[in-house]
Protein backbone atom coordinates (compact mmCIF):
# COMPACT_ATOMS: atom_id res chain seq x y z
CA MET A 1 -4.15 21.45 1.16
CA LYS A 2 -4.73 17.84 0.58
CA LEU A 3 -3.56 14.37 2.38
CA VAL A 4 -3.14 11.58 0.42
CA THR A 5 -2.40 8.29 1.80
CA ALA A 6 -1.47 5.50 -0.14
CA ILE A 7 -1.20 1.99 1.15
CA VAL A 8 0.99 0.03 -1.09
CA HIS A 9 2.78 -3.44 -0.95
CA ASN A 10 5.98 -3.63 0.93
CA GLU A 11 7.61 -4.30 -2.13
CA ASP A 12 6.94 -0.77 -3.85
CA ALA A 13 7.32 1.47 -0.30
CA ALA A 14 11.08 2.05 -0.52
CA THR A 15 11.19 2.78 -4.24
CA LEU A 16 7.90 5.35 -3.83
CA VAL A 17 9.36 7.41 -0.86
CA ASP A 18 12.63 7.64 -2.71
CA ALA A 19 10.68 8.65 -6.25
CA LEU A 20 8.54 11.03 -3.42
CA LEU A 21 11.63 12.96 -2.23
CA GLU A 22 13.59 12.77 -5.66
CA ARG A 23 10.66 15.14 -6.30
CA GLU A 24 11.08 17.06 -3.20
CA TYR A 25 7.79 15.73 -1.69
CA ARG A 26 8.10 15.00 2.15
CA ALA A 27 6.54 11.79 3.16
CA THR A 28 5.92 9.62 5.62
CA ARG A 29 5.85 5.84 6.16
CA LEU A 30 4.25 3.29 8.62
CA HIS A 31 4.29 -0.06 8.48
CA SER A 32 1.13 -1.81 8.33
CA SER A 33 -0.75 -4.79 7.39
CA GLY A 34 -4.18 -6.10 6.17
CA GLY A 35 -6.19 -7.57 3.29
CA PHE A 36 -7.54 -10.98 3.18
CA LEU A 37 -3.52 -12.37 2.79
CA LYS A 38 -2.49 -10.69 6.10
CA GLN A 39 0.92 -9.34 4.06
CA GLY A 40 2.81 -6.23 5.09
CA ASN A 41 1.91 -3.20 3.39
CA ALA A 42 3.38 0.36 4.11
CA THR A 43 0.85 3.39 4.53
CA ILE A 44 2.43 6.81 3.05
CA LEU A 45 1.31 9.98 4.00
CA VAL A 46 1.87 13.09 1.87
CA GLY A 47 0.69 16.27 2.71
CA VAL A 48 0.31 18.55 -0.64
CA GLU A 49 -1.25 21.96 -2.11
CA GLU A 50 -4.32 20.84 -4.22
CA ASP A 51 -2.52 21.58 -7.72
CA GLN A 52 -0.42 19.20 -6.72
CA VAL A 53 -2.64 15.80 -5.93
CA ASN A 54 -2.19 14.68 -10.05
CA ASP A 55 1.69 14.71 -9.48
CA VAL A 56 1.68 12.71 -6.43
CA LEU A 57 -0.88 10.38 -8.00
CA GLY A 58 1.42 10.05 -11.16
CA ILE A 59 4.19 9.00 -8.73
CA ILE A 60 2.49 6.85 -7.44
CA SER A 61 0.81 4.86 -10.27
CA ALA A 62 4.43 4.67 -11.77
CA ASN A 63 5.78 2.95 -8.43
CA CYS A 64 3.20 0.59 -7.29
CA HIS A 65 2.62 -2.05 -9.66
CA SER A 66 0.02 -5.16 -9.12
CA ARG A 67 2.12 -8.65 -9.46
CA LYS A 68 0.64 -12.60 -9.29
CA GLN A 69 1.82 -14.42 -6.26
CA PHE A 70 0.85 -18.03 -5.26
CA VAL A 71 -0.01 -18.15 -1.44
CA ASN A 72 -1.39 -21.21 0.67
CA PRO A 73 -4.80 -20.45 1.88
CA MET A 74 -5.81 -20.84 5.52
CA PRO A 75 -6.82 -24.49 5.96
CA PRO A 76 -10.66 -25.02 6.96
CA ILE A 77 -11.47 -25.80 10.78
CA MET A 78 -11.35 -29.63 10.56
CA GLU A 79 -13.13 -32.15 12.64
CA PRO A 80 -10.15 -34.71 14.57
CA GLY A 81 -8.75 -37.40 12.03
CA GLU A 82 -9.84 -35.20 8.45
CA PHE A 83 -6.87 -34.36 6.23
CA TYR A 84 -6.71 -31.05 4.19
CA MET A 85 -3.89 -30.08 2.28
CA PRO A 86 -4.38 -26.68 0.82
CA TYR A 87 -3.28 -25.82 -3.13
CA PRO A 88 -1.05 -22.78 -3.40
CA VAL A 89 -3.67 -20.07 -5.24
CA GLU A 90 -2.70 -17.31 -7.44
CA VAL A 91 -3.21 -14.12 -6.39
CA GLU A 92 -3.18 -10.20 -7.66
CA VAL A 93 -1.22 -8.13 -5.00
CA GLY A 94 0.28 -5.29 -4.52
CA GLY A 95 -0.87 -1.54 -6.72
CA ALA A 96 -1.79 1.25 -4.29
CA THR A 97 -5.05 1.78 -2.43
CA VAL A 98 -4.82 5.96 -2.48
CA PHE A 99 -7.13 8.19 -0.50
CA VAL A 100 -7.08 12.26 -1.19
CA LEU A 101 -8.32 13.94 1.89
CA PRO A 102 -9.21 17.85 2.71
CA VAL A 103 -6.78 18.95 5.48
CA GLU A 104 -8.14 22.11 7.27
CA ARG A 105 -4.64 22.53 8.96
CA PHE A 106 -0.94 21.92 8.60
CA GLU A 107 1.77 23.02 10.88
CA ARG A 108 5.75 21.20 10.62
CA LEU A 109 6.74 21.82 13.99
């Protein structure tokens, strides 16, 4: 038994969960945030048999896409009287970070 933990962009989370449920994989979605942009993410947990891991990874890959986005960087700490206008910076967001962990015991209560 394996626990697949996928951290995905909020924009991809709903379609990913729908795709997993369509293939009859039960998934739990947790709201999370992090990264240097401090934007909302979703953590998707899926418990599967070892021979199903590649299928789940394929579903994640097909539904979680990276995209370019403009963000305003945090202004540096400035001295009084200084003026700093940050310019938007183009960064790549999205995709998925996936961890596959062994599970010693699994129970559905």
